[in-house]
Amino acid sequence: MDLDDVQRLMEQLYGEADRARGIPATVAWLCEELGELAQAVRKGTPAQQLHELGDVLAWTASLANQLGLSLDEAMQRYRNEANP
């Protein structure tokens, strides 16, 4: 699955509900998930870490969708740095 696939999946599953929740609430949820990831990295199992990574990616994709932005485009600068 690539980043565009992730965004499409999140739109299909949660797009309407995410837009109704709004950007500020989505950012708050993303921050909460980042905290859960940090805790899983410190004290969790690999399975818990993987779960939390998925949650962070899902909320990031939701935010990108609400902003009308592409995660693939956001990562383009890293590809450019890798291939100067």
C-alpha atoms as a PDB file:
ATOM      1  CA  MET A   1       0.000   0.000   0.000  1.00  0.00           C
ATOM      2  CA  ASP A   2       1.400   3.404  -0.928  1.00  0.00           C
ATOM      3  CA  LEU A   3       0.579   6.778   0.611  1.00  0.00           C
ATOM      4  CA  ASP A   4      -2.115   7.572  -1.951  1.00  0.00           C
ATOM      5  CA  ASP A   5      -3.750   4.230  -1.113  1.00  0.00           C
ATOM      6  CA  VAL A   6      -3.648   5.115   2.592  1.00  0.00           C
ATOM      7  CA  GLN A   7      -5.375   8.428   1.942  1.00  0.00           C
ATOM      8  CA  ARG A   8      -8.024   6.815  -0.248  1.00  0.00           C
ATOM      9  CA  LEU A   9      -8.700   4.124   2.355  1.00  0.00           C
ATOM     10  CA  MET A  10      -9.080   6.670   5.143  1.00  0.00           C
ATOM     11  CA  GLU A  11     -11.414   8.728   2.962  1.00  0.00           C
ATOM     12  CA  GLN A  12     -13.561   5.677   2.237  1.00  0.00           C
ATOM     13  CA  LEU A  13     -13.685   4.527   5.855  1.00  0.00           C
ATOM     14  CA  TYR A  14     -13.870   7.797   7.779  1.00  0.00           C
ATOM     15  CA  GLY A  15     -13.893  10.770   5.401  1.00  0.00           C
ATOM     16  CA  GLU A  16     -17.379  12.030   6.161  1.00  0.00           C
ATOM     17  CA  ALA A  17     -17.010  11.606   9.936  1.00  0.00           C
ATOM     18  CA  ASP A  18     -13.537  13.152   9.914  1.00  0.00           C
ATOM     19  CA  ARG A  19     -14.736  16.247   8.051  1.00  0.00           C
ATOM     20  CA  ALA A  20     -17.655  16.584  10.470  1.00  0.00           C
ATOM     21  CA  ARG A  21     -15.188  16.396  13.401  1.00  0.00           C
ATOM     22  CA  GLY A  22     -13.046  19.087  11.798  1.00  0.00           C
ATOM     23  CA  ILE A  23      -9.379  19.909  11.537  1.00  0.00           C
ATOM     24  CA  PRO A  24      -8.758  21.103  15.124  1.00  0.00           C
ATOM     25  CA  ALA A  25     -10.204  17.891  16.574  1.00  0.00           C
ATOM     26  CA  THR A  26      -8.267  15.801  14.074  1.00  0.00           C
ATOM     27  CA  VAL A  27      -5.025  17.490  15.118  1.00  0.00           C
ATOM     28  CA  ALA A  28      -5.891  16.789  18.754  1.00  0.00           C
ATOM     29  CA  TRP A  29      -6.502  13.108  17.996  1.00  0.00           C
ATOM     30  CA  LEU A  30      -3.249  12.924  16.040  1.00  0.00           C
ATOM     31  CA  CYS A  31      -1.371  14.375  19.016  1.00  0.00           C
ATOM     32  CA  GLU A  32      -2.993  11.838  21.317  1.00  0.00           C
ATOM     33  CA  GLU A  33      -1.954   9.018  18.997  1.00  0.00           C
ATOM     34  CA  LEU A  34       1.607  10.360  18.906  1.00  0.00           C
ATOM     35  CA  GLY A  35       1.638  10.184  22.700  1.00  0.00           C
ATOM     36  CA  GLU A  36       0.417   6.600  22.591  1.00  0.00           C
ATOM     37  CA  LEU A  37       3.131   5.774  20.066  1.00  0.00           C
ATOM     38  CA  ALA A  38       5.768   7.330  22.309  1.00  0.00           C
ATOM     39  CA  GLN A  39       4.569   5.212  25.209  1.00  0.00           C
ATOM     40  CA  ALA A  40       4.547   2.063  23.066  1.00  0.00           C
ATOM     41  CA  VAL A  41       8.093   2.773  21.904  1.00  0.00           C
ATOM     42  CA  ARG A  42       9.257   3.151  25.506  1.00  0.00           C
ATOM     43  CA  LYS A  43       7.351   0.303  27.127  1.00  0.00           C
ATOM     44  CA  GLY A  44       5.370  -1.606  24.528  1.00  0.00           C
ATOM     45  CA  THR A  45       5.763  -4.724  22.495  1.00  0.00           C
ATOM     46  CA  PRO A  46       6.515  -4.667  18.774  1.00  0.00           C
ATOM     47  CA  ALA A  47       2.841  -5.483  18.153  1.00  0.00           C
ATOM     48  CA  GLN A  48       1.747  -2.469  20.218  1.00  0.00           C
ATOM     49  CA  GLN A  49       4.273  -0.253  18.449  1.00  0.00           C
ATOM     50  CA  LEU A  50       2.996  -1.419  15.053  1.00  0.00           C
ATOM     51  CA  HIS A  51      -0.592  -0.738  16.113  1.00  0.00           C
ATOM     52  CA  GLU A  52       0.240   2.797  17.231  1.00  0.00           C
ATOM     53  CA  LEU A  53       2.277   3.505  14.086  1.00  0.00           C
ATOM     54  CA  GLY A  54      -0.819   2.560  12.098  1.00  0.00           C
ATOM     55  CA  ASP A  55      -2.965   4.910  14.158  1.00  0.00           C
ATOM     56  CA  VAL A  56      -0.539   7.813  13.649  1.00  0.00           C
ATOM     57  CA  LEU A  57      -0.429   7.164   9.903  1.00  0.00           C
ATOM     58  CA  ALA A  58      -4.225   6.928   9.730  1.00  0.00           C
ATOM     59  CA  TRP A  59      -4.763  10.239  11.550  1.00  0.00           C
ATOM     60  CA  THR A  60      -2.042  11.898   9.459  1.00  0.00           C
ATOM     61  CA  ALA A  61      -3.802  10.717   6.301  1.00  0.00           C
ATOM     62  CA  SER A  62      -7.116  12.006   7.634  1.00  0.00           C
ATOM     63  CA  LEU A  63      -5.586  15.398   8.309  1.00  0.00           C
ATOM     64  CA  ALA A  64      -4.018  15.521   4.845  1.00  0.00           C
ATOM     65  CA  ASN A  65      -7.396  14.676   3.301  1.00  0.00           C
ATOM     66  CA  GLN A  66      -9.135  17.439   5.226  1.00  0.00           C
ATOM     67  CA  LEU A  67      -6.444  19.911   4.175  1.00  0.00           C
ATOM     68  CA  GLY A  68      -6.719  18.800   0.549  1.00  0.00           C
ATOM     69  CA  LEU A  69      -3.048  17.824   0.510  1.00  0.00           C
ATOM     70  CA  SER A  70      -1.206  14.752  -0.719  1.00  0.00           C
ATOM     71  CA  LEU A  71       1.086  12.801   1.610  1.00  0.00           C
ATOM     72  CA  ASP A  72       2.940  11.616  -1.477  1.00  0.00           C
ATOM     73  CA  GLU A  73       3.637  15.221  -2.448  1.00  0.00           C
ATOM     74  CA  ALA A  74       4.615  16.038   1.141  1.00  0.00           C
ATOM     75  CA  MET A  75       7.275  13.325   0.988  1.00  0.00           C
ATOM     76  CA  GLN A  76       8.598  14.472  -2.395  1.00  0.00           C
ATOM     77  CA  ARG A  77      11.227  16.704  -0.794  1.00  0.00           C
ATOM     78  CA  TYR A  78      12.803  13.657   0.859  1.00  0.00           C
ATOM     79  CA  ARG A  79      13.024  11.893  -2.501  1.00  0.00           C
ATOM     80  CA  ASN A  80      14.682  15.007  -3.888  1.00  0.00           C
ATOM     81  CA  GLU A  81      17.218  15.037  -1.033  1.00  0.00           C
ATOM     82  CA  ALA A  82      18.009  11.371  -1.633  1.00  0.00           C
ATOM     83  CA  ASN A  83      18.588  11.982  -5.338  1.00  0.00           C
ATOM     84  CA  PRO A  84      20.230  15.426  -5.641  1.00  0.00           C
END
